[in-house]
PDB file of N, CA and C in Angstrom:
ATOM      1  N   MET A   1      27.539   1.704  26.347  1.00  0.00           N
ATOM      2  CA  MET A   1      27.887   3.030  25.902  1.00  0.00           C
ATOM      3  C   MET A   1      26.629   3.820  25.512  1.00  0.00           C
ATOM      4  N   LYS A   2      25.711   3.114  24.833  1.00  0.00           N
ATOM      5  CA  LYS A   2      24.480   3.779  24.407  1.00  0.00           C
ATOM      6  C   LYS A   2      23.659   4.238  25.608  1.00  0.00           C
ATOM      7  N   ARG A   3      23.582   3.404  26.633  1.00  0.00           N
ATOM      8  CA  ARG A   3      22.807   3.748  27.837  1.00  0.00           C
ATOM      9  C   ARG A   3      23.416   4.940  28.566  1.00  0.00           C
ATOM     10  N   ILE A   4      24.728   4.990  28.623  1.00  0.00           N
ATOM     11  CA  ILE A   4      25.389   6.113  29.304  1.00  0.00           C
ATOM     12  C   ILE A   4      25.115   7.416  28.558  1.00  0.00           C
ATOM     13  N   LEU A   5      25.236   7.373  27.231  1.00  0.00           N
ATOM     14  CA  LEU A   5      24.950   8.564  26.426  1.00  0.00           C
ATOM     15  C   LEU A   5      23.493   8.983  26.584  1.00  0.00           C
ATOM     16  N   GLN A   6      22.611   8.008  26.610  1.00  0.00           N
ATOM     17  CA  GLN A   6      21.180   8.289  26.781  1.00  0.00           C
ATOM     18  C   GLN A   6      20.921   8.950  28.139  1.00  0.00           C
ATOM     19  N   LEU A   7      21.566   8.483  29.165  1.00  0.00           N
ATOM     20  CA  LEU A   7      21.420   9.063  30.501  1.00  0.00           C
ATOM     21  C   LEU A   7      21.923  10.507  30.535  1.00  0.00           C
ATOM     22  N   VAL A   8      23.083  10.747  29.933  1.00  0.00           N
ATOM     23  CA  VAL A   8      23.655  12.097  29.927  1.00  0.00           C
ATOM     24  C   VAL A   8      22.747  13.064  29.176  1.00  0.00           C
ATOM     25  N   VAL A   9      22.255  12.658  28.018  1.00  0.00           N
ATOM     26  CA  VAL A   9      21.376  13.530  27.220  1.00  0.00           C
ATOM     27  C   VAL A   9      20.067  13.773  27.962  1.00  0.00           C
ATOM     28  N   THR A  10      19.525  12.756  28.589  1.00  0.00           N
ATOM     29  CA  THR A  10      18.270  12.904  29.342  1.00  0.00           C
ATOM     30  C   THR A  10      18.434  13.879  30.493  1.00  0.00           C
ATOM     31  N   ARG A  11      19.513  13.747  31.235  1.00  0.00           N
ATOM     32  CA  ARG A  11      19.744  14.660  32.360  1.00  0.00           C
ATOM     33  C   ARG A  11      19.962  16.088  31.873  1.00  0.00           C
ATOM     34  N   TRP A  12      20.642  16.241  30.746  1.00  0.00           N
ATOM     35  CA  TRP A  12      20.894  17.570  30.197  1.00  0.00           C
ATOM     36  C   TRP A  12      19.587  18.224  29.738  1.00  0.00           C
ATOM     37  N   LEU A  13      18.710  17.430  29.085  1.00  0.00           N
ATOM     38  CA  LEU A  13      17.432  17.968  28.616  1.00  0.00           C
ATOM     39  C   LEU A  13      16.476  18.263  29.777  1.00  0.00           C
ATOM     40  N   ALA A  14      16.577  17.521  30.851  1.00  0.00           N
ATOM     41  CA  ALA A  14      15.659  17.680  31.984  1.00  0.00           C
ATOM     42  C   ALA A  14      15.906  18.970  32.762  1.00  0.00           C
ATOM     43  N   ARG A  15      16.963  19.684  32.468  1.00  0.00           N
ATOM     44  CA  ARG A  15      17.267  20.919  33.198  1.00  0.00           C
ATOM     45  C   ARG A  15      16.328  22.068  32.855  1.00  0.00           C
ATOM     46  N   THR A  16      15.751  22.054  31.657  1.00  0.00           N
ATOM     47  CA  THR A  16      14.927  23.181  31.223  1.00  0.00           C
ATOM     48  C   THR A  16      13.499  22.718  30.946  1.00  0.00           C
ATOM     49  N   PRO A  17      12.535  23.625  31.008  1.00  0.00           N
ATOM     50  CA  PRO A  17      11.148  23.244  30.688  1.00  0.00           C
ATOM     51  C   PRO A  17      10.978  22.792  29.233  1.00  0.00           C
ATOM     52  N   ILE A  18      11.695  23.426  28.321  1.00  0.00           N
ATOM     53  CA  ILE A  18      11.599  23.020  26.909  1.00  0.00           C
ATOM     54  C   ILE A  18      12.169  21.602  26.744  1.00  0.00           C
ATOM     55  N   GLY A  19      13.241  21.323  27.446  1.00  0.00           N
ATOM     56  CA  GLY A  19      13.816  19.983  27.409  1.00  0.00           C
ATOM     57  C   GLY A  19      12.858  18.943  27.952  1.00  0.00           C
ATOM     58  N   MET A  20      12.114  19.309  28.988  1.00  0.00           N
ATOM     59  CA  MET A  20      11.128  18.381  29.541  1.00  0.00           C
ATOM     60  C   MET A  20      10.023  18.092  28.525  1.00  0.00           C
ATOM     61  N   VAL A  21       9.628  19.115  27.763  1.00  0.00           N
ATOM     62  CA  VAL A  21       8.619  18.915  26.718  1.00  0.00           C
ATOM     63  C   VAL A  21       9.163  17.957  25.656  1.00  0.00           C
ATOM     64  N   VAL A  22      10.409  18.142  25.265  1.00  0.00           N
ATOM     65  CA  VAL A  22      11.034  17.266  24.270  1.00  0.00           C
ATOM     66  C   VAL A  22      11.090  15.828  24.798  1.00  0.00           C
ATOM     67  N   LEU A  23      11.475  15.662  26.059  1.00  0.00           N
ATOM     68  CA  LEU A  23      11.520  14.326  26.649  1.00  0.00           C
ATOM     69  C   LEU A  23      10.125  13.691  26.702  1.00  0.00           C
ATOM     70  N   GLY A  24       9.132  14.469  27.038  1.00  0.00           N
ATOM     71  CA  GLY A  24       7.766  13.951  27.091  1.00  0.00           C
ATOM     72  C   GLY A  24       7.270  13.508  25.727  1.00  0.00           C
ATOM     73  N   LEU A  25       7.545  14.300  24.708  1.00  0.00           N
ATOM     74  CA  LEU A  25       7.135  13.930  23.352  1.00  0.00           C
ATOM     75  C   LEU A  25       7.869  12.672  22.886  1.00  0.00           C
ATOM     76  N   GLY A  26       9.158  12.591  23.198  1.00  0.00           N
ATOM     77  CA  GLY A  26       9.918  11.397  22.838  1.00  0.00           C
ATOM     78  C   GLY A  26       9.395  10.159  23.544  1.00  0.00           C
ATOM     79  N   TRP A  27       9.016  10.322  24.824  1.00  0.00           N
ATOM     80  CA  TRP A  27       8.475   9.209  25.583  1.00  0.00           C
ATOM     81  C   TRP A  27       7.154   8.727  24.974  1.00  0.00           C
ATOM     82  N   LEU A  28       6.266   9.672  24.624  1.00  0.00           N
ATOM     83  CA  LEU A  28       4.986   9.300  24.018  1.00  0.00           C
ATOM     84  C   LEU A  28       5.187   8.605  22.672  1.00  0.00           C
ATOM     85  N   PHE A  29       6.090   9.124  21.876  1.00  0.00           N
ATOM     86  CA  PHE A  29       6.369   8.546  20.562  1.00  0.00           C
ATOM     87  C   PHE A  29       6.897   7.118  20.694  1.00  0.00           C
ATOM     88  N   MET A  30       7.843   6.902  21.597  1.00  0.00           N
ATOM     89  CA  MET A  30       8.415   5.572  21.769  1.00  0.00           C
ATOM     90  C   MET A  30       7.400   4.599  22.371  1.00  0.00           C
ATOM     91  N   ARG A  31       6.541   5.089  23.238  1.00  0.00           N
ATOM     92  CA  ARG A  31       5.511   4.232  23.838  1.00  0.00           C
ATOM     93  C   ARG A  31       4.549   3.711  22.771  1.00  0.00           C
ATOM     94  N   LYS A  32       4.129   4.605  21.877  1.00  0.00           N
ATOM     95  CA  LYS A  32       3.226   4.200  20.792  1.00  0.00           C
ATOM     96  C   LYS A  32       3.927   3.227  19.844  1.00  0.00           C
ATOM     97  N   ARG A  33       5.169   3.506  19.555  1.00  0.00           N
ATOM     98  CA  ARG A  33       5.929   2.647  18.643  1.00  0.00           C
ATOM     99  C   ARG A  33       6.091   1.239  19.214  1.00  0.00           C
ATOM    100  N   ARG A  34       6.382   1.147  20.503  1.00  0.00           N
ATOM    101  CA  ARG A  34       6.549  -0.170  21.135  1.00  0.00           C
ATOM    102  C   ARG A  34       5.228  -0.934  21.185  1.00  0.00           C
ATOM    103  N   SER A  35       4.129  -0.237  21.452  1.00  0.00           N
ATOM    104  CA  SER A  35       2.841  -0.929  21.502  1.00  0.00           C
ATOM    105  C   SER A  35       2.451  -1.436  20.115  1.00  0.00           C
ATOM    106  N   ASP A  36       2.764  -0.661  19.073  1.00  0.00           N
ATOM    107  CA  ASP A  36       2.484  -1.110  17.709  1.00  0.00           C
ATOM    108  C   ASP A  36       3.315  -2.340  17.357  1.00  0.00           C
ATOM    109  N   GLN A  37       4.567  -2.367  17.800  1.00  0.00           N
ATOM    110  CA  GLN A  37       5.422  -3.523  17.532  1.00  0.00           C
ATOM    111  C   GLN A  37       4.915  -4.753  18.262  1.00  0.00           C
ATOM    112  N   ARG A  38       4.429  -4.588  19.496  1.00  0.00           N
ATOM    113  CA  ARG A  38       3.884  -5.721  20.252  1.00  0.00           C
ATOM    114  C   ARG A  38       2.634  -6.275  19.577  1.00  0.00           C
ATOM    115  N   GLN A  39       1.763  -5.391  19.107  1.00  0.00           N
ATOM    116  CA  GLN A  39       0.547  -5.838  18.429  1.00  0.00           C
ATOM    117  C   GLN A  39       0.899  -6.570  17.148  1.00  0.00           C
ATOM    118  N   GLN A  40       1.859  -6.067  16.403  1.00  0.00           N
ATOM    119  CA  GLN A  40       2.252  -6.693  15.153  1.00  0.00           C
ATOM    120  C   GLN A  40       2.863  -8.073  15.418  1.00  0.00           C
ATOM    121  N   ALA A  41       3.635  -8.202  16.493  1.00  0.00           N
ATOM    122  CA  ALA A  41       4.235  -9.494  16.823  1.00  0.00           C
ATOM    123  C   ALA A  41       3.165 -10.516  17.220  1.00  0.00           C
ATOM    124  N   ARG A  42       2.100 -10.064  17.864  1.00  0.00           N
ATOM    125  CA  ARG A  42       1.024 -10.982  18.255  1.00  0.00           C
ATOM    126  C   ARG A  42       0.231 -11.471  17.058  1.00  0.00           C
ATOM    127  N   THR A  43       0.065 -10.625  16.041  1.00  0.00           N
ATOM    128  CA  THR A  43      -0.775 -10.981  14.902  1.00  0.00           C
ATOM    129  C   THR A  43      -0.043 -11.822  13.869  1.00  0.00           C
ATOM    130  N   GLN A  44       1.280 -11.884  13.922  1.00  0.00           N
ATOM    131  CA  GLN A  44       2.013 -12.687  12.956  1.00  0.00           C
ATOM    132  C   GLN A  44       1.773 -14.166  13.230  1.00  0.00           C
ATOM    133  N   VAL A  45       1.527 -14.916  12.172  1.00  0.00           N
ATOM    134  CA  VAL A  45       1.280 -16.345  12.306  1.00  0.00           C
ATOM    135  C   VAL A  45       2.629 -17.043  12.346  1.00  0.00           C
ATOM    136  N   ARG A  46       2.839 -17.804  13.394  1.00  0.00           N
ATOM    137  CA  ARG A  46       4.081 -18.545  13.508  1.00  0.00           C
ATOM    138  C   ARG A  46       3.843 -19.989  13.076  1.00  0.00           C
ATOM    139  N   ARG A  47       4.784 -20.502  12.332  1.00  0.00           N
ATOM    140  CA  ARG A  47       4.670 -21.868  11.853  1.00  0.00           C
ATOM    141  C   ARG A  47       5.016 -22.840  12.957  1.00  0.00           C
ATOM    142  N   ALA A  48       4.319 -23.945  12.963  1.00  0.00           N
ATOM    143  CA  ALA A  48       4.605 -24.988  13.939  1.00  0.00           C
ATOM    144  C   ALA A  48       5.909 -25.675  13.564  1.00  0.00           C
ATOM    145  N   PRO A  49       6.699 -26.084  14.540  1.00  0.00           N
ATOM    146  CA  PRO A  49       7.956 -26.758  14.202  1.00  0.00           C
ATOM    147  C   PRO A  49       7.698 -28.097  13.523  1.00  0.00           C
ATOM    148  N   GLY A  50       8.511 -28.395  12.530  1.00  0.00           N
ATOM    149  CA  GLY A  50       8.395 -29.670  11.841  1.00  0.00           C
ATOM    150  C   GLY A  50       7.437 -29.651  10.665  1.00  0.00           C
ATOM    151  N   ARG A  51       6.774 -28.548  10.430  1.00  0.00           N
ATOM    152  CA  ARG A  51       5.874 -28.477   9.287  1.00  0.00           C
ATOM    153  C   ARG A  51       6.665 -28.310   8.009  1.00  0.00           C
ATOM    154  N   ARG A  52       6.243 -28.967   6.969  1.00  0.00           N
ATOM    155  CA  ARG A  52       6.955 -28.871   5.696  1.00  0.00           C
ATOM    156  C   ARG A  52       6.576 -27.589   4.975  1.00  0.00           C
ATOM    157  N   SER A  53       7.474 -27.130   4.168  1.00  0.00           N
ATOM    158  CA  SER A  53       7.248 -25.932   3.381  1.00  0.00           C
ATOM    159  C   SER A  53       6.283 -26.245   2.246  1.00  0.00           C
ATOM    160  N   ASP A  54       5.510 -25.268   1.823  1.00  0.00           N
ATOM    161  CA  ASP A  54       4.601 -25.443   0.698  1.00  0.00           C
ATOM    162  C   ASP A  54       5.325 -25.337  -0.635  1.00  0.00           C
ATOM    163  N   ASP A  55       6.572 -24.929  -0.603  1.00  0.00           N
ATOM    164  CA  ASP A  55       7.355 -24.749  -1.818  1.00  0.00           C
ATOM    165  C   ASP A  55       7.840 -26.118  -2.308  1.00  0.00           C
ATOM    166  N   PRO A  56       7.399 -26.564  -3.519  1.00  0.00           N
ATOM    167  CA  PRO A  56       7.839 -27.879  -3.991  1.00  0.00           C
ATOM    168  C   PRO A  56       9.333 -27.915  -4.311  1.00  0.00           C
ATOM    169  N   TYR A  57       9.946 -26.756  -4.526  1.00  0.00           N
ATOM    170  CA  TYR A  57      11.373 -26.710  -4.829  1.00  0.00           C
ATOM    171  C   TYR A  57      12.202 -26.430  -3.591  1.00  0.00           C
ATOM    172  N   GLY A  58      11.574 -26.435  -2.447  1.00  0.00           N
ATOM    173  CA  GLY A  58      12.282 -26.172  -1.200  1.00  0.00           C
ATOM    174  C   GLY A  58      13.270 -27.286  -0.888  1.00  0.00           C
ATOM    175  N   ARG A  59      14.249 -26.948  -0.099  1.00  0.00           N
ATOM    176  CA  ARG A  59      15.288 -27.913   0.268  1.00  0.00           C
ATOM    177  C   ARG A  59      14.699 -28.975   1.185  1.00  0.00           C
ATOM    178  N   ARG A  60      14.896 -30.231   0.843  1.00  0.00           N
ATOM    179  CA  ARG A  60      14.271 -31.315   1.598  1.00  0.00           C
ATOM    180  C   ARG A  60      15.197 -31.936   2.630  1.00  0.00           C
ATOM    181  N   ARG A  61      16.488 -31.922   2.378  1.00  0.00           N
ATOM    182  CA  ARG A  61      17.443 -32.501   3.314  1.00  0.00           C
ATOM    183  C   ARG A  61      18.779 -31.793   3.160  1.00  0.00           C
ATOM    184  N   PRO A  62      19.640 -31.893   4.137  1.00  0.00           N
ATOM    185  CA  PRO A  62      20.962 -31.276   4.010  1.00  0.00           C
ATOM    186  C   PRO A  62      21.759 -31.928   2.880  1.00  0.00           C
ATOM    187  N   VAL A  63      22.533 -31.134   2.193  1.00  0.00           N
ATOM    188  CA  VAL A  63      23.359 -31.632   1.097  1.00  0.00           C
ATOM    189  C   VAL A  63      24.705 -32.039   1.686  1.00  0.00           C
ATOM    190  N   ALA A  64      25.145 -33.248   1.370  1.00  0.00           N
ATOM    191  CA  ALA A  64      26.383 -33.777   1.915  1.00  0.00           C
ATOM    192  C   ALA A  64      27.579 -33.313   1.094  1.00  0.00           C
ATOM    193  N   GLY A  65      28.568 -32.751   1.736  1.00  0.00           N
ATOM    194  CA  GLY A  65      29.839 -32.417   1.093  1.00  0.00           C
ATOM    195  C   GLY A  65      29.762 -31.359   0.008  1.00  0.00           C
ATOM    196  N   GLY A  66      28.789 -30.497   0.057  1.00  0.00           N
ATOM    197  CA  GLY A  66      28.698 -29.443  -0.942  1.00  0.00           C
ATOM    198  C   GLY A  66      28.194 -29.943  -2.288  1.00  0.00           C
ATOM    199  N   ARG A  67      27.743 -31.194  -2.352  1.00  0.00           N
ATOM    200  CA  ARG A  67      27.241 -31.773  -3.588  1.00  0.00           C
ATOM    201  C   ARG A  67      25.764 -31.422  -3.730  1.00  0.00           C
ATOM    202  N   ARG A  68      25.328 -31.103  -4.917  1.00  0.00           N
ATOM    203  CA  ARG A  68      23.916 -30.783  -5.134  1.00  0.00           C
ATOM    204  C   ARG A  68      23.291 -31.800  -5.986  1.00  0.00           C
TER     205      ARG A  68
END
């Protein structure tokens, strides 16, 4: 549904020169936003699987039957 609405709005805006300017600005804005998100995802440190938490109060094993 979102894609269909996006297509209709894009086609409607593309009819006029002012609409084309709006589409161009939106495209530039989204392009910068996506590149920033990609850079941020690359710089985040991901933990290796199986590594223990540094929190001494962290959960060490599953609790059986809701008992703590």
